[in-house]
Amino acid sequence: MQIVRHIRRAVRAIIPPTLFLGLSVYFGWNALHGEHGMHAYHTQLQLREQALQAQQDSKSEQIVWKRRISSLNERALDADMLDERSRAMLNLAKGGDIVIPYGPHEKLY
């Protein structure tokens, strides 16, 4: 009888701390590795930083494209400069233009 009493006393002394320790380990592991744990939070922060960087890149690209589009407005183009540049690119001249030929090693540009 006394052995049974010692076994019961030992079981009553061991089970509650073991259960408490098991619950503590379970909740601790979930706090770190669970679906809403610290590692998941760190991953979400990295994804947020990537999204903010992508947003900033897209805004800067949008500004560049808006500037390019606004320069295509007909009021933004100077007709004389456009005519001069197109003739230079096409290697053409008007009838009254004076043409000064350059040598083969003397380049204008």
PDB file of N, CA and C in Angstrom:
ATOM      1  N   MET A   1       0.802  -1.191   0.000  1.00  0.00           N
ATOM      2  CA  MET A   1       0.000   0.000   0.000  1.00  0.00           C
ATOM      3  C   MET A   1       0.856   1.271   0.000  1.00  0.00           C
ATOM      4  N   GLN A   2       1.920   1.176   0.728  1.00  0.00           N
ATOM      5  CA  GLN A   2       2.756   2.350   0.834  1.00  0.00           C
ATOM      6  C   GLN A   2       3.461   2.649  -0.507  1.00  0.00           C
ATOM      7  N   ILE A   3       3.751   1.626  -1.259  1.00  0.00           N
ATOM      8  CA  ILE A   3       4.380   1.826  -2.574  1.00  0.00           C
ATOM      9  C   ILE A   3       3.402   2.530  -3.511  1.00  0.00           C
ATOM     10  N   VAL A   4       2.135   2.144  -3.446  1.00  0.00           N
ATOM     11  CA  VAL A   4       1.117   2.780  -4.294  1.00  0.00           C
ATOM     12  C   VAL A   4       0.985   4.252  -3.918  1.00  0.00           C
ATOM     13  N   ARG A   5       1.020   4.540  -2.622  1.00  0.00           N
ATOM     14  CA  ARG A   5       0.910   5.923  -2.166  1.00  0.00           C
ATOM     15  C   ARG A   5       2.111   6.738  -2.660  1.00  0.00           C
ATOM     16  N   HIS A   6       3.292   6.184  -2.635  1.00  0.00           N
ATOM     17  CA  HIS A   6       4.486   6.885  -3.131  1.00  0.00           C
ATOM     18  C   HIS A   6       4.397   7.104  -4.646  1.00  0.00           C
ATOM     19  N   ILE A   7       3.864   6.126  -5.345  1.00  0.00           N
ATOM     20  CA  ILE A   7       3.700   6.267  -6.799  1.00  0.00           C
ATOM     21  C   ILE A   7       2.697   7.363  -7.109  1.00  0.00           C
ATOM     22  N   ARG A   8       1.557   7.382  -6.376  1.00  0.00           N
ATOM     23  CA  ARG A   8       0.556   8.441  -6.591  1.00  0.00           C
ATOM     24  C   ARG A   8       1.129   9.811  -6.262  1.00  0.00           C
ATOM     25  N   ARG A   9       1.849   9.900  -5.181  1.00  0.00           N
ATOM     26  CA  ARG A   9       2.445  11.166  -4.782  1.00  0.00           C
ATOM     27  C   ARG A   9       3.459  11.623  -5.847  1.00  0.00           C
ATOM     28  N   ALA A  10       4.248  10.699  -6.359  1.00  0.00           N
ATOM     29  CA  ALA A  10       5.229  11.030  -7.399  1.00  0.00           C
ATOM     30  C   ALA A  10       4.531  11.471  -8.689  1.00  0.00           C
ATOM     31  N   VAL A  11       3.472  10.788  -9.056  1.00  0.00           N
ATOM     32  CA  VAL A  11       2.719  11.154 -10.265  1.00  0.00           C
ATOM     33  C   VAL A  11       2.105  12.529 -10.088  1.00  0.00           C
ATOM     34  N   ARG A  12       1.492  12.799  -8.915  1.00  0.00           N
ATOM     35  CA  ARG A  12       0.896  14.116  -8.658  1.00  0.00           C
ATOM     36  C   ARG A  12       1.958  15.212  -8.621  1.00  0.00           C
ATOM     37  N   ALA A  13       3.153  14.879  -8.236  1.00  0.00           N
ATOM     38  CA  ALA A  13       4.225  15.868  -8.193  1.00  0.00           C
ATOM     39  C   ALA A  13       4.841  16.096  -9.574  1.00  0.00           C
ATOM     40  N   ILE A  14       4.780  15.119 -10.456  1.00  0.00           N
ATOM     41  CA  ILE A  14       5.438  15.221 -11.770  1.00  0.00           C
ATOM     42  C   ILE A  14       4.491  15.714 -12.860  1.00  0.00           C
ATOM     43  N   ILE A  15       3.244  15.312 -12.866  1.00  0.00           N
ATOM     44  CA  ILE A  15       2.315  15.633 -13.963  1.00  0.00           C
ATOM     45  C   ILE A  15       2.058  17.133 -14.108  1.00  0.00           C
ATOM     46  N   PRO A  16       1.686  17.896 -13.066  1.00  0.00           N
ATOM     47  CA  PRO A  16       1.407  19.327 -13.298  1.00  0.00           C
ATOM     48  C   PRO A  16       2.606  20.105 -13.849  1.00  0.00           C
ATOM     49  N   PRO A  17       3.816  19.966 -13.304  1.00  0.00           N
ATOM     50  CA  PRO A  17       4.929  20.694 -13.928  1.00  0.00           C
ATOM     51  C   PRO A  17       5.212  20.247 -15.358  1.00  0.00           C
ATOM     52  N   THR A  18       5.026  18.951 -15.633  1.00  0.00           N
ATOM     53  CA  THR A  18       5.255  18.454 -16.990  1.00  0.00           C
ATOM     54  C   THR A  18       4.242  19.048 -17.962  1.00  0.00           C
ATOM     55  N   LEU A  19       2.973  19.100 -17.555  1.00  0.00           N
ATOM     56  CA  LEU A  19       1.944  19.716 -18.407  1.00  0.00           C
ATOM     57  C   LEU A  19       2.236  21.202 -18.620  1.00  0.00           C
ATOM     58  N   PHE A  20       2.600  21.901 -17.542  1.00  0.00           N
ATOM     59  CA  PHE A  20       2.912  23.323 -17.651  1.00  0.00           C
ATOM     60  C   PHE A  20       4.118  23.546 -18.573  1.00  0.00           C
ATOM     61  N   LEU A  21       5.131  22.752 -18.423  1.00  0.00           N
ATOM     62  CA  LEU A  21       6.311  22.858 -19.276  1.00  0.00           C
ATOM     63  C   LEU A  21       5.973  22.552 -20.732  1.00  0.00           C
ATOM     64  N   GLY A  22       5.135  21.536 -20.948  1.00  0.00           N
ATOM     65  CA  GLY A  22       4.711  21.199 -22.317  1.00  0.00           C
ATOM     66  C   GLY A  22       3.924  22.330 -22.953  1.00  0.00           C
ATOM     67  N   LEU A  23       2.987  22.943 -22.197  1.00  0.00           N
ATOM     68  CA  LEU A  23       2.230  24.080 -22.728  1.00  0.00           C
ATOM     69  C   LEU A  23       3.141  25.269 -23.006  1.00  0.00           C
ATOM     70  N   SER A  24       4.087  25.496 -22.100  1.00  0.00           N
ATOM     71  CA  SER A  24       5.022  26.611 -22.306  1.00  0.00           C
ATOM     72  C   SER A  24       5.851  26.407 -23.566  1.00  0.00           C
ATOM     73  N   VAL A  25       6.322  25.196 -23.793  1.00  0.00           N
ATOM     74  CA  VAL A  25       7.103  24.893 -24.998  1.00  0.00           C
ATOM     75  C   VAL A  25       6.229  25.053 -26.244  1.00  0.00           C
ATOM     76  N   TYR A  26       4.994  24.584 -26.185  1.00  0.00           N
ATOM     77  CA  TYR A  26       4.080  24.679 -27.324  1.00  0.00           C
ATOM     78  C   TYR A  26       3.831  26.140 -27.699  1.00  0.00           C
ATOM     79  N   PHE A  27       3.472  26.964 -26.709  1.00  0.00           N
ATOM     80  CA  PHE A  27       3.191  28.368 -26.999  1.00  0.00           C
ATOM     81  C   PHE A  27       4.465  29.130 -27.381  1.00  0.00           C
ATOM     82  N   GLY A  28       5.578  28.761 -26.787  1.00  0.00           N
ATOM     83  CA  GLY A  28       6.840  29.397 -27.173  1.00  0.00           C
ATOM     84  C   GLY A  28       7.226  29.085 -28.609  1.00  0.00           C
ATOM     85  N   TRP A  29       7.066  27.817 -28.994  1.00  0.00           N
ATOM     86  CA  TRP A  29       7.387  27.448 -30.371  1.00  0.00           C
ATOM     87  C   TRP A  29       6.461  28.171 -31.356  1.00  0.00           C
ATOM     88  N   ASN A  30       5.174  28.246 -31.026  1.00  0.00           N
ATOM     89  CA  ASN A  30       4.233  28.947 -31.909  1.00  0.00           C
ATOM     90  C   ASN A  30       4.511  30.441 -31.957  1.00  0.00           C
ATOM     91  N   ALA A  31       5.003  30.998 -30.860  1.00  0.00           N
ATOM     92  CA  ALA A  31       5.336  32.426 -30.868  1.00  0.00           C
ATOM     93  C   ALA A  31       6.495  32.720 -31.812  1.00  0.00           C
ATOM     94  N   LEU A  32       7.366  31.764 -32.004  1.00  0.00           N
ATOM     95  CA  LEU A  32       8.491  31.972 -32.911  1.00  0.00           C
ATOM     96  C   LEU A  32       8.219  31.485 -34.326  1.00  0.00           C
ATOM     97  N   HIS A  33       7.709  30.261 -34.453  1.00  0.00           N
ATOM     98  CA  HIS A  33       7.602  29.618 -35.765  1.00  0.00           C
ATOM     99  C   HIS A  33       6.176  29.480 -36.278  1.00  0.00           C
ATOM    100  N   GLY A  34       5.202  29.891 -35.523  1.00  0.00           N
ATOM    101  CA  GLY A  34       3.815  29.694 -35.923  1.00  0.00           C
ATOM    102  C   GLY A  34       3.404  30.589 -37.077  1.00  0.00           C
ATOM    103  N   GLU A  35       2.147  30.482 -37.448  1.00  0.00           N
ATOM    104  CA  GLU A  35       1.613  31.239 -38.580  1.00  0.00           C
ATOM    105  C   GLU A  35       1.672  32.746 -38.339  1.00  0.00           C
ATOM    106  N   HIS A  36       1.552  33.156 -37.087  1.00  0.00           N
ATOM    107  CA  HIS A  36       1.609  34.572 -36.729  1.00  0.00           C
ATOM    108  C   HIS A  36       2.800  34.851 -35.809  1.00  0.00           C
ATOM    109  N   GLY A  37       3.835  34.059 -35.904  1.00  0.00           N
ATOM    110  CA  GLY A  37       4.985  34.172 -35.026  1.00  0.00           C
ATOM    111  C   GLY A  37       5.989  35.212 -35.503  1.00  0.00           C
ATOM    112  N   MET A  38       7.118  35.235 -34.833  1.00  0.00           N
ATOM    113  CA  MET A  38       8.149  36.227 -35.115  1.00  0.00           C
ATOM    114  C   MET A  38       8.779  36.041 -36.501  1.00  0.00           C
ATOM    115  N   HIS A  39       8.975  34.803 -36.916  1.00  0.00           N
ATOM    116  CA  HIS A  39       9.553  34.564 -38.243  1.00  0.00           C
ATOM    117  C   HIS A  39       8.585  35.006 -39.344  1.00  0.00           C
ATOM    118  N   ALA A  40       7.315  34.745 -39.152  1.00  0.00           N
ATOM    119  CA  ALA A  40       6.317  35.187 -40.132  1.00  0.00           C
ATOM    120  C   ALA A  40       6.248  36.717 -40.164  1.00  0.00           C
ATOM    121  N   TYR A  41       6.368  37.343 -39.011  1.00  0.00           N
ATOM    122  CA  TYR A  41       6.365  38.807 -38.936  1.00  0.00           C
ATOM    123  C   TYR A  41       7.578  39.379 -39.676  1.00  0.00           C
ATOM    124  N   HIS A  42       8.727  38.764 -39.488  1.00  0.00           N
ATOM    125  CA  HIS A  42       9.936  39.213 -40.178  1.00  0.00           C
ATOM    126  C   HIS A  42       9.785  39.062 -41.698  1.00  0.00           C
ATOM    127  N   THR A  43       9.196  37.970 -42.127  1.00  0.00           N
ATOM    128  CA  THR A  43       8.954  37.749 -43.553  1.00  0.00           C
ATOM    129  C   THR A  43       8.000  38.804 -44.108  1.00  0.00           C
ATOM    130  N   GLN A  44       6.963  39.134 -43.351  1.00  0.00           N
ATOM    131  CA  GLN A  44       6.012  40.153 -43.787  1.00  0.00           C
ATOM    132  C   GLN A  44       6.680  41.526 -43.878  1.00  0.00           C
ATOM    133  N   LEU A  45       7.584  41.819 -42.964  1.00  0.00           N
ATOM    134  CA  LEU A  45       8.308  43.088 -43.038  1.00  0.00           C
ATOM    135  C   LEU A  45       9.179  43.156 -44.282  1.00  0.00           C
ATOM    136  N   GLN A  46       9.822  42.048 -44.633  1.00  0.00           N
ATOM    137  CA  GLN A  46      10.634  42.018 -45.852  1.00  0.00           C
ATOM    138  C   GLN A  46       9.770  42.209 -47.088  1.00  0.00           C
ATOM    139  N   LEU A  47       8.618  41.557 -47.116  1.00  0.00           N
ATOM    140  CA  LEU A  47       7.703  41.718 -48.257  1.00  0.00           C
ATOM    141  C   LEU A  47       7.193  43.153 -48.344  1.00  0.00           C
ATOM    142  N   ARG A  48       6.956  43.766 -47.200  1.00  0.00           N
ATOM    143  CA  ARG A  48       6.498  45.165 -47.175  1.00  0.00           C
ATOM    144  C   ARG A  48       7.573  46.079 -47.735  1.00  0.00           C
ATOM    145  N   GLU A  49       8.827  45.863 -47.343  1.00  0.00           N
ATOM    146  CA  GLU A  49       9.924  46.675 -47.859  1.00  0.00           C
ATOM    147  C   GLU A  49      10.063  46.512 -49.372  1.00  0.00           C
ATOM    148  N   GLN A  50       9.921  45.294 -49.865  1.00  0.00           N
ATOM    149  CA  GLN A  50       9.997  45.056 -51.305  1.00  0.00           C
ATOM    150  C   GLN A  50       8.851  45.755 -52.030  1.00  0.00           C
ATOM    151  N   ALA A  51       7.665  45.718 -51.439  1.00  0.00           N
ATOM    152  CA  ALA A  51       6.507  46.376 -52.061  1.00  0.00           C
ATOM    153  C   ALA A  51       6.688  47.887 -52.077  1.00  0.00           C
ATOM    154  N   LEU A  52       7.216  48.448 -50.987  1.00  0.00           N
ATOM    155  CA  LEU A  52       7.454  49.894 -50.955  1.00  0.00           C
ATOM    156  C   LEU A  52       8.517  50.292 -51.970  1.00  0.00           C
ATOM    157  N   GLN A  53       9.542  49.484 -52.122  1.00  0.00           N
ATOM    158  CA  GLN A  53      10.577  49.774 -53.114  1.00  0.00           C
ATOM    159  C   GLN A  53      10.012  49.692 -54.528  1.00  0.00           C
ATOM    160  N   ALA A  54       9.176  48.690 -54.785  1.00  0.00           N
ATOM    161  CA  ALA A  54       8.545  48.572 -56.104  1.00  0.00           C
ATOM    162  C   ALA A  54       7.625  49.763 -56.371  1.00  0.00           C
ATOM    163  N   GLN A  55       6.918  50.213 -55.342  1.00  0.00           N
ATOM    164  CA  GLN A  55       6.049  51.377 -55.500  1.00  0.00           C
ATOM    165  C   GLN A  55       6.870  52.622 -55.811  1.00  0.00           C
ATOM    166  N   GLN A  56       7.973  52.806 -55.104  1.00  0.00           N
ATOM    167  CA  GLN A  56       8.838  53.962 -55.359  1.00  0.00           C
ATOM    168  C   GLN A  56       9.426  53.903 -56.761  1.00  0.00           C
ATOM    169  N   ASP A  57       9.847  52.716 -57.197  1.00  0.00           N
ATOM    170  CA  ASP A  57      10.377  52.567 -58.558  1.00  0.00           C
ATOM    171  C   ASP A  57       9.321  52.897 -59.606  1.00  0.00           C
ATOM    172  N   SER A  58       8.100  52.428 -59.376  1.00  0.00           N
ATOM    173  CA  SER A  58       7.035  52.695 -60.354  1.00  0.00           C
ATOM    174  C   SER A  58       6.676  54.180 -60.375  1.00  0.00           C
ATOM    175  N   LYS A  59       6.718  54.845 -59.218  1.00  0.00           N
ATOM    176  CA  LYS A  59       6.432  56.290 -59.200  1.00  0.00           C
ATOM    177  C   LYS A  59       7.499  57.068 -59.946  1.00  0.00           C
ATOM    178  N   SER A  60       8.764  56.697 -59.736  1.00  0.00           N
ATOM    179  CA  SER A  60       9.830  57.405 -60.444  1.00  0.00           C
ATOM    180  C   SER A  60       9.753  57.142 -61.953  1.00  0.00           C
ATOM    181  N   GLU A  61       9.412  55.916 -62.339  1.00  0.00           N
ATOM    182  CA  GLU A  61       9.250  55.620 -63.765  1.00  0.00           C
ATOM    183  C   GLU A  61       8.055  56.382 -64.346  1.00  0.00           C
ATOM    184  N   GLN A  62       7.002  56.507 -63.562  1.00  0.00           N
ATOM    185  CA  GLN A  62       5.835  57.257 -64.014  1.00  0.00           C
ATOM    186  C   GLN A  62       6.183  58.733 -64.219  1.00  0.00           C
ATOM    187  N   ILE A  63       7.002  59.289 -63.336  1.00  0.00           N
ATOM    188  CA  ILE A  63       7.424  60.686 -63.480  1.00  0.00           C
ATOM    189  C   ILE A  63       8.236  60.862 -64.757  1.00  0.00           C
ATOM    190  N   VAL A  64       9.129  59.900 -65.035  1.00  0.00           N
ATOM    191  CA  VAL A  64       9.931  59.972 -66.259  1.00  0.00           C
ATOM    192  C   VAL A  64       9.036  59.931 -67.489  1.00  0.00           C
ATOM    193  N   TRP A  65       8.064  59.028 -67.491  1.00  0.00           N
ATOM    194  CA  TRP A  65       7.178  58.918 -68.652  1.00  0.00           C
ATOM    195  C   TRP A  65       6.289  60.153 -68.795  1.00  0.00           C
ATOM    196  N   LYS A  66       5.842  60.730 -67.693  1.00  0.00           N
ATOM    197  CA  LYS A  66       5.040  61.963 -67.781  1.00  0.00           C
ATOM    198  C   LYS A  66       5.866  63.092 -68.377  1.00  0.00           C
ATOM    199  N   ARG A  67       7.140  63.175 -67.984  1.00  0.00           N
ATOM    200  CA  ARG A  67       8.023  64.201 -68.533  1.00  0.00           C
ATOM    201  C   ARG A  67       8.220  63.975 -70.030  1.00  0.00           C
ATOM    202  N   ARG A  68       8.412  62.720 -70.429  1.00  0.00           N
ATOM    203  CA  ARG A  68       8.590  62.427 -71.861  1.00  0.00           C
ATOM    204  C   ARG A  68       7.332  62.754 -72.655  1.00  0.00           C
ATOM    205  N   ILE A  69       6.187  62.421 -72.096  1.00  0.00           N
ATOM    206  CA  ILE A  69       4.923  62.682 -72.797  1.00  0.00           C
ATOM    207  C   ILE A  69       4.660  64.178 -72.901  1.00  0.00           C
ATOM    208  N   SER A  70       4.970  64.919 -71.824  1.00  0.00           N
ATOM    209  CA  SER A  70       4.736  66.365 -71.877  1.00  0.00           C
ATOM    210  C   SER A  70       5.667  67.035 -72.891  1.00  0.00           C
ATOM    211  N   SER A  71       6.852  66.461 -73.122  1.00  0.00           N
ATOM    212  CA  SER A  71       7.757  67.041 -74.117  1.00  0.00           C
ATOM    213  C   SER A  71       7.302  66.745 -75.538  1.00  0.00           C
ATOM    214  N   LEU A  72       6.353  65.813 -75.701  1.00  0.00           N
ATOM    215  CA  LEU A  72       5.823  65.532 -77.040  1.00  0.00           C
ATOM    216  C   LEU A  72       4.700  66.480 -77.440  1.00  0.00           C
ATOM    217  N   ASN A  73       4.295  67.341 -76.547  1.00  0.00           N
ATOM    218  CA  ASN A  73       3.263  68.322 -76.842  1.00  0.00           C
ATOM    219  C   ASN A  73       3.760  69.239 -77.956  1.00  0.00           C
ATOM    220  N   GLU A  74       2.882  69.626 -78.878  1.00  0.00           N
ATOM    221  CA  GLU A  74       3.329  70.423 -80.017  1.00  0.00           C
ATOM    222  C   GLU A  74       3.807  71.809 -79.591  1.00  0.00           C
ATOM    223  N   ARG A  75       3.326  72.322 -78.466  1.00  0.00           N
ATOM    224  CA  ARG A  75       3.804  73.609 -77.970  1.00  0.00           C
ATOM    225  C   ARG A  75       5.213  73.487 -77.384  1.00  0.00           C
ATOM    226  N   ALA A  76       5.617  72.275 -76.994  1.00  0.00           N
ATOM    227  CA  ALA A  76       6.938  72.078 -76.405  1.00  0.00           C
ATOM    228  C   ALA A  76       8.016  71.928 -77.482  1.00  0.00           C
ATOM    229  N   LEU A  77       7.625  71.629 -78.715  1.00  0.00           N
ATOM    230  CA  LEU A  77       8.602  71.450 -79.797  1.00  0.00           C
ATOM    231  C   LEU A  77       8.873  72.772 -80.498  1.00  0.00           C
ATOM    232  N   ASP A  78      10.132  73.075 -80.705  1.00  0.00           N
ATOM    233  CA  ASP A  78      10.513  74.254 -81.468  1.00  0.00           C
ATOM    234  C   ASP A  78      10.674  73.817 -82.922  1.00  0.00           C
ATOM    235  N   ALA A  79       9.918  74.430 -83.797  1.00  0.00           N
ATOM    236  CA  ALA A  79       9.907  74.001 -85.201  1.00  0.00           C
ATOM    237  C   ALA A  79      11.277  74.166 -85.851  1.00  0.00           C
ATOM    238  N   ASP A  80      11.982  75.255 -85.558  1.00  0.00           N
ATOM    239  CA  ASP A  80      13.299  75.469 -86.165  1.00  0.00           C
ATOM    240  C   ASP A  80      14.306  74.412 -85.707  1.00  0.00           C
ATOM    241  N   MET A  81      14.295  74.117 -84.401  1.00  0.00           N
ATOM    242  CA  MET A  81      15.223  73.116 -83.891  1.00  0.00           C
ATOM    243  C   MET A  81      14.892  71.737 -84.446  1.00  0.00           C
ATOM    244  N   LEU A  82      13.601  71.461 -84.580  1.00  0.00           N
ATOM    245  CA  LEU A  82      13.187  70.180 -85.135  1.00  0.00           C
ATOM    246  C   LEU A  82      13.612  70.058 -86.594  1.00  0.00           C
ATOM    247  N   ASP A  83      13.440  71.123 -87.358  1.00  0.00           N
ATOM    248  CA  ASP A  83      13.840  71.120 -88.765  1.00  0.00           C
ATOM    249  C   ASP A  83      15.357  70.964 -88.885  1.00  0.00           C
ATOM    250  N   GLU A  84      16.094  71.699 -88.059  1.00  0.00           N
ATOM    251  CA  GLU A  84      17.553  71.622 -88.098  1.00  0.00           C
ATOM    252  C   GLU A  84      18.045  70.219 -87.747  1.00  0.00           C
ATOM    253  N   ARG A  85      17.456  69.646 -86.719  1.00  0.00           N
ATOM    254  CA  ARG A  85      17.901  68.317 -86.283  1.00  0.00           C
ATOM    255  C   ARG A  85      17.539  67.241 -87.317  1.00  0.00           C
ATOM    256  N   SER A  86      16.347  67.348 -87.900  1.00  0.00           N
ATOM    257  CA  SER A  86      15.954  66.349 -88.908  1.00  0.00           C
ATOM    258  C   SER A  86      16.831  66.437 -90.147  1.00  0.00           C
ATOM    259  N   ARG A  87      17.209  67.647 -90.556  1.00  0.00           N
ATOM    260  CA  ARG A  87      18.103  67.786 -91.716  1.00  0.00           C
ATOM    261  C   ARG A  87      19.494  67.255 -91.404  1.00  0.00           C
ATOM    262  N   ALA A  88      19.953  67.472 -90.167  1.00  0.00           N
ATOM    263  CA  ALA A  88      21.273  66.959 -89.797  1.00  0.00           C
ATOM    264  C   ALA A  88      21.259  65.439 -89.767  1.00  0.00           C
ATOM    265  N   MET A  89      20.182  64.872 -89.267  1.00  0.00           N
ATOM    266  CA  MET A  89      20.118  63.405 -89.190  1.00  0.00           C
ATOM    267  C   MET A  89      19.974  62.773 -90.581  1.00  0.00           C
ATOM    268  N   LEU A  90      19.236  63.433 -91.452  1.00  0.00           N
ATOM    269  CA  LEU A  90      19.013  62.888 -92.792  1.00  0.00           C
ATOM    270  C   LEU A  90      20.092  63.323 -93.786  1.00  0.00           C
ATOM    271  N   ASN A  91      20.992  64.208 -93.345  1.00  0.00           N
ATOM    272  CA  ASN A  91      22.069  64.719 -94.190  1.00  0.00           C
ATOM    273  C   ASN A  91      21.496  65.449 -95.408  1.00  0.00           C
ATOM    274  N   LEU A  92      20.552  66.333 -95.148  1.00  0.00           N
ATOM    275  CA  LEU A  92      19.916  67.112 -96.203  1.00  0.00           C
ATOM    276  C   LEU A  92      20.182  68.597 -95.982  1.00  0.00           C
ATOM    277  N   ALA A  93      19.957  69.408 -97.025  1.00  0.00           N
ATOM    278  CA  ALA A  93      20.121  70.861 -96.921  1.00  0.00           C
ATOM    279  C   ALA A  93      19.043  71.532 -97.758  1.00  0.00           C
ATOM    280  N   LYS A  94      18.737  72.796 -97.403  1.00  0.00           N
ATOM    281  CA  LYS A  94      17.786  73.582 -98.195  1.00  0.00           C
ATOM    282  C   LYS A  94      18.504  74.129 -99.428  1.00  0.00           C
ATOM    283  N   GLY A  95      17.720  74.698-100.348  1.00  0.00           N
ATOM    284  CA  GLY A  95      18.307  75.230-101.571  1.00  0.00           C
ATOM    285  C   GLY A  95      19.232  76.399-101.329  1.00  0.00           C
ATOM    286  N   GLY A  96      18.960  77.250-100.360  1.00  0.00           N
ATOM    287  CA  GLY A  96      19.778  78.441-100.117  1.00  0.00           C
ATOM    288  C   GLY A  96      20.841  78.240 -99.051  1.00  0.00           C
ATOM    289  N   ASP A  97      21.009  77.047 -98.548  1.00  0.00           N
ATOM    290  CA  ASP A  97      21.996  76.790 -97.492  1.00  0.00           C
ATOM    291  C   ASP A  97      23.408  76.759 -98.073  1.00  0.00           C
ATOM    292  N   ILE A  98      24.360  77.229 -97.293  1.00  0.00           N
ATOM    293  CA  ILE A  98      25.768  77.154 -97.675  1.00  0.00           C
ATOM    294  C   ILE A  98      26.334  75.888 -97.034  1.00  0.00           C
ATOM    295  N   VAL A  99      26.937  75.059 -97.855  1.00  0.00           N
ATOM    296  CA  VAL A  99      27.467  73.788 -97.381  1.00  0.00           C
ATOM    297  C   VAL A  99      28.990  73.864 -97.380  1.00  0.00           C
ATOM    298  N   ILE A 100      29.575  73.573 -96.209  1.00  0.00           N
ATOM    299  CA  ILE A 100      31.037  73.553 -96.091  1.00  0.00           C
ATOM    300  C   ILE A 100      31.431  72.100 -95.880  1.00  0.00           C
ATOM    301  N   PRO A 101      32.071  71.501 -96.844  1.00  0.00           N
ATOM    302  CA  PRO A 101      32.440  70.084 -96.693  1.00  0.00           C
ATOM    303  C   PRO A 101      33.620  69.927 -95.720  1.00  0.00           C
ATOM    304  N   TYR A 102      33.567  68.893 -94.979  1.00  0.00           N
ATOM    305  CA  TYR A 102      34.647  68.538 -94.051  1.00  0.00           C
ATOM    306  C   TYR A 102      35.455  67.420 -94.659  1.00  0.00           C
ATOM    307  N   GLY A 103      36.695  67.353 -94.255  1.00  0.00           N
ATOM    308  CA  GLY A 103      37.564  66.281 -94.727  1.00  0.00           C
ATOM    309  C   GLY A 103      37.159  64.954 -94.087  1.00  0.00           C
ATOM    310  N   PRO A 104      37.735  63.857 -94.554  1.00  0.00           N
ATOM    311  CA  PRO A 104      37.332  62.543 -94.038  1.00  0.00           C
ATOM    312  C   PRO A 104      37.676  62.344 -92.555  1.00  0.00           C
ATOM    313  N   HIS A 105      38.714  63.046 -92.055  1.00  0.00           N
ATOM    314  CA  HIS A 105      39.116  62.883 -90.664  1.00  0.00           C
ATOM    315  C   HIS A 105      38.623  64.022 -89.781  1.00  0.00           C
ATOM    316  N   GLU A 106      37.945  65.000 -90.364  1.00  0.00           N
ATOM    317  CA  GLU A 106      37.432  66.134 -89.593  1.00  0.00           C
ATOM    318  C   GLU A 106      35.919  65.943 -89.454  1.00  0.00           C
ATOM    319  N   LYS A 107      35.515  65.526 -88.290  1.00  0.00           N
ATOM    320  CA  LYS A 107      34.094  65.278 -88.072  1.00  0.00           C
ATOM    321  C   LYS A 107      33.469  66.433 -87.314  1.00  0.00           C
ATOM    322  N   LEU A 108      32.233  66.722 -87.651  1.00  0.00           N
ATOM    323  CA  LEU A 108      31.517  67.803 -86.979  1.00  0.00           C
ATOM    324  C   LEU A 108      31.092  67.372 -85.581  1.00  0.00           C
ATOM    325  N   TYR A 109      30.746  66.112 -85.406  1.00  0.00           N
ATOM    326  CA  TYR A 109      30.266  65.639 -84.103  1.00  0.00           C
ATOM    327  C   TYR A 109      31.266  64.702 -83.496  1.00  0.00           C
TER     328      TYR A 109
END
